[in-house]
Structure formats: C-alpha cells, structure tokens
C-alpha cells in the first residue's frame, strides 16, 4: 500500500494515439511496466463530467508504477474529452501531473477560488479525479486525486 503526502505528486500522464504501441515502447526500451489497462466510459465512471456537462467519451487508460510514481498513458476512443483537445493542440506527450489530496472536494474549492476550475472529472470505484484548467499558467494540466481503491485491471501488458 502506497502512502502519499498531501499535495504531493503521485502521477505523470501522457496522451497517446496508440496505447499498445506506447506500452510496448516503454516496456521494450525502459522495462517500464507491467501496465494495468482499463477502459473508462460512462457507467463505469461515476460523476463523469467534461467542461460542466455529462461526459460521453470513452478512453483507454494504462498505468504502471515506477517507485512511488504512477505513469499513465491515455488513448481517447470515442466522444470528445480533454485528451482529444490535447492531441489536436499539442500531439502526443505530457498531459498532466496528478497531485494527492485526501479531501479532493476541499482542494477543488480552493483551486477554483485561485482561478483554476475543473474541466473534467469523475470517480471510478473509490478513486476520484479532477482535472484543473492550469495549462495557461503551467503548460500542462494539474489533476487532483485521492488515490482511492479501484477494481482490478481489465487486462495487463505484457500478459
């Protein structure tokens, strides 16, 4: 069980066009993995919102640990999300850094007051995520998360 400090970095995430190729490249060159793979979609993700409206997008998510930092790869599949926005504007690459907050709602209120509102959010099982509109000031998105428990992966790479 990993423990995180309040406000500490827990994840670095990248948007990719081809999840399988990205996982293979990370594994073959740097032995980063194994990757746990999930499909996020309405129904699986609760309180799923994109820019203030119910989210309709589907994406593949792959996560792997490197020490106490989680690496995440995200591939949009259907609908439209901040991942699609990123691919259109920047192509593949760094999308967000995720910070730990035990009380995400309190942290969201604080950052919203500072001018960084939520642009996408959701909860899968006990794990909450809130993406903040920080790109204009930081060059990337900041995500807030509570490191809640999540169901087992749908599959793993390499198998």
Protein backbone atom coordinates (compact mmCIF):
# COMPACT_ATOMS: atom_id res chain seq x y z
CA UNK A 1 0.00 0.00 0.00
CA UNK A 2 1.47 3.34 -1.03
CA UNK A 3 1.06 6.45 1.03
CA UNK A 4 1.19 9.96 -0.37
CA UNK A 5 1.79 13.33 1.21
CA UNK A 6 -0.92 15.97 0.91
CA UNK A 7 -0.31 17.91 -2.31
CA UNK A 8 2.47 15.53 -3.37
CA UNK A 9 2.99 14.31 -6.91
CA UNK A 10 1.62 10.83 -7.42
CA UNK A 11 1.31 10.51 -11.21
CA UNK A 12 2.74 11.74 -14.50
CA UNK A 13 0.49 11.16 -17.51
CA UNK A 14 0.78 11.22 -21.29
CA UNK A 15 -1.80 11.26 -24.08
CA UNK A 16 -1.06 8.82 -26.91
CA UNK A 17 -2.75 7.86 -30.14
CA UNK A 18 -1.85 4.15 -29.92
CA UNK A 19 -1.84 2.70 -26.41
CA UNK A 20 -0.48 -0.70 -27.45
CA UNK A 21 2.50 0.84 -29.26
CA UNK A 22 3.21 3.22 -26.35
CA UNK A 23 3.15 0.43 -23.75
CA UNK A 24 5.37 -1.75 -25.94
CA UNK A 25 7.87 1.10 -26.43
CA UNK A 26 8.04 1.83 -22.68
CA UNK A 27 8.43 -1.88 -21.86
CA UNK A 28 10.93 -2.77 -24.60
CA UNK A 29 13.25 0.20 -24.08
CA UNK A 30 13.00 1.02 -20.36
CA UNK A 31 11.24 -2.05 -18.88
CA UNK A 32 8.51 0.28 -17.55
CA UNK A 33 5.55 -1.90 -16.65
CA UNK A 34 3.69 -4.09 -16.30
CA UNK A 35 0.77 -1.91 -17.37
CA UNK A 36 -2.72 -2.29 -15.91
CA UNK A 37 -5.29 -1.39 -18.58
CA UNK A 38 -8.80 -0.04 -18.11
CA UNK A 39 -11.49 1.30 -20.40
CA UNK A 40 -13.13 4.39 -18.92
CA UNK A 41 -16.62 5.16 -20.14
CA UNK A 42 -19.96 6.47 -18.90
CA UNK A 43 -21.43 3.92 -16.50
CA UNK A 44 -18.06 2.69 -15.23
CA UNK A 45 -17.04 6.21 -14.25
CA UNK A 46 -19.45 7.97 -11.90
CA UNK A 47 -19.90 11.76 -11.70
CA UNK A 48 -18.26 11.85 -15.14
CA UNK A 49 -18.11 15.42 -16.45
CA UNK A 50 -16.39 17.21 -19.32
CA UNK A 51 -16.46 21.01 -19.24
CA UNK A 52 -19.52 21.11 -16.99
CA UNK A 53 -21.66 18.62 -18.92
CA UNK A 54 -22.09 14.85 -18.52
CA UNK A 55 -19.14 13.16 -20.23
CA UNK A 56 -19.84 10.83 -23.14
CA UNK A 57 -16.28 9.93 -24.10
CA UNK A 58 -14.54 6.57 -23.86
CA UNK A 59 -10.81 6.14 -23.42
CA UNK A 60 -8.22 3.52 -22.67
CA UNK A 61 -6.06 4.11 -19.60
CA UNK A 62 -2.86 2.21 -18.80
CA UNK A 63 -0.99 2.67 -15.54
CA UNK A 64 2.35 1.38 -14.27
CA UNK A 65 4.38 2.16 -11.17
CA UNK A 66 7.93 3.45 -11.17
CA UNK A 67 8.86 3.63 -7.50
CA UNK A 68 6.16 5.71 -5.80
CA UNK A 69 5.17 7.50 -9.01
CA UNK A 70 2.47 6.16 -11.27
CA UNK A 71 2.91 6.59 -15.01
CA UNK A 72 -0.28 6.81 -17.03
CA UNK A 73 -0.97 6.55 -20.75
CA UNK A 74 -4.34 7.65 -22.12
CA UNK A 75 -5.80 6.98 -25.57
CA UNK A 76 -9.13 8.57 -26.47
CA UNK A 77 -11.50 6.23 -28.31
CA UNK A 78 -14.93 7.82 -28.78
CA UNK A 79 -16.65 11.08 -27.93
CA UNK A 80 -14.61 14.17 -27.05
CA UNK A 81 -12.52 14.95 -23.98
CA UNK A 82 -9.57 16.96 -22.77
CA UNK A 83 -7.39 14.16 -24.17
CA UNK A 84 -8.71 14.86 -27.68
CA UNK A 85 -8.16 18.58 -27.10
CA UNK A 86 -4.54 17.87 -26.19
CA UNK A 87 -3.90 15.69 -29.25
CA UNK A 88 -5.33 18.39 -31.53
CA UNK A 89 -3.35 21.21 -29.93
CA UNK A 90 -0.05 19.51 -28.99
CA UNK A 91 0.01 15.98 -30.37
CA UNK A 92 1.18 13.15 -28.15
CA UNK A 93 3.00 13.96 -24.94
CA UNK A 94 2.81 15.16 -21.37
CA UNK A 95 -0.79 15.87 -20.44
CA UNK A 96 -0.95 16.18 -16.67
CA UNK A 97 0.66 15.75 -13.31
CA UNK A 98 -1.59 14.35 -10.58
CA UNK A 99 -1.38 15.63 -7.01
CA UNK A 100 -2.72 13.79 -3.97
CA UNK A 101 -5.43 15.33 -1.79
CA UNK A 102 -7.28 13.22 0.75
CA UNK A 103 -10.23 15.64 0.50
CA UNK A 104 -10.42 16.42 -3.21
CA UNK A 105 -13.62 18.45 -2.94
CA UNK A 106 -11.99 20.84 -0.47
CA UNK A 107 -8.91 21.13 -2.70
CA UNK A 108 -11.10 21.74 -5.77
CA UNK A 109 -12.86 24.60 -3.97
CA UNK A 110 -9.52 26.15 -3.02
CA UNK A 111 -8.03 25.91 -6.53
CA UNK A 112 -11.25 27.15 -8.15
CA UNK A 113 -11.02 30.27 -5.95
CA UNK A 114 -7.48 30.74 -7.26
CA UNK A 115 -8.74 30.70 -10.86
CA UNK A 116 -8.27 27.03 -11.74
CA UNK A 117 -11.72 25.48 -12.27
CA UNK A 118 -12.38 21.81 -13.01
CA UNK A 119 -12.52 20.98 -16.73
CA UNK A 120 -13.06 17.22 -16.46
CA UNK A 121 -13.79 14.90 -13.55
CA UNK A 122 -15.07 11.54 -12.45
CA UNK A 123 -14.87 8.71 -9.97
CA UNK A 124 -14.21 5.05 -10.60
CA UNK A 125 -14.92 2.95 -7.52
CA UNK A 126 -13.30 4.94 -4.66
CA UNK A 127 -10.82 6.83 -6.87
CA UNK A 128 -11.71 10.46 -7.63
CA UNK A 129 -10.09 12.62 -10.30
CA UNK A 130 -10.43 16.32 -11.06
CA UNK A 131 -8.56 17.95 -13.92
CA UNK A 132 -7.97 21.67 -13.40
CA UNK A 133 -7.69 24.36 -16.07
CA UNK A 134 -3.99 25.09 -15.45
CA UNK A 135 -2.46 24.79 -18.91
CA UNK A 136 -2.36 28.54 -19.50
CA UNK A 137 -0.09 29.06 -16.48
CA UNK A 138 1.79 25.77 -16.23
CA UNK A 139 1.90 24.42 -19.79
CA UNK A 140 0.12 21.26 -18.69
CA UNK A 141 -2.96 20.21 -16.72
CA UNK A 142 -2.89 19.56 -12.97
CA UNK A 143 -5.08 16.70 -11.79
CA UNK A 144 -6.19 16.22 -8.21
CA UNK A 145 -6.82 12.72 -6.89
CA UNK A 146 -7.44 10.85 -3.65
CA UNK A 147 -5.67 7.54 -4.50
CA UNK A 148 -8.87 5.62 -3.77
CA UNK A 149 -9.15 1.88 -4.31
CA UNK A 150 -10.04 0.77 -7.81
CA UNK A 151 -11.19 -2.54 -9.28
CA UNK A 152 -8.67 -4.95 -10.84
CA UNK A 153 -7.46 -4.10 -14.33
CA UNK A 154 -9.34 -5.47 -17.31
CA UNK A 155 -6.06 -6.72 -18.74
CA UNK A 156 -2.31 -6.36 -18.34
CA UNK A 157 0.62 -5.68 -20.67
CA UNK A 158 2.77 -7.63 -21.08
CA UNK A 159 0.40 -10.50 -20.40
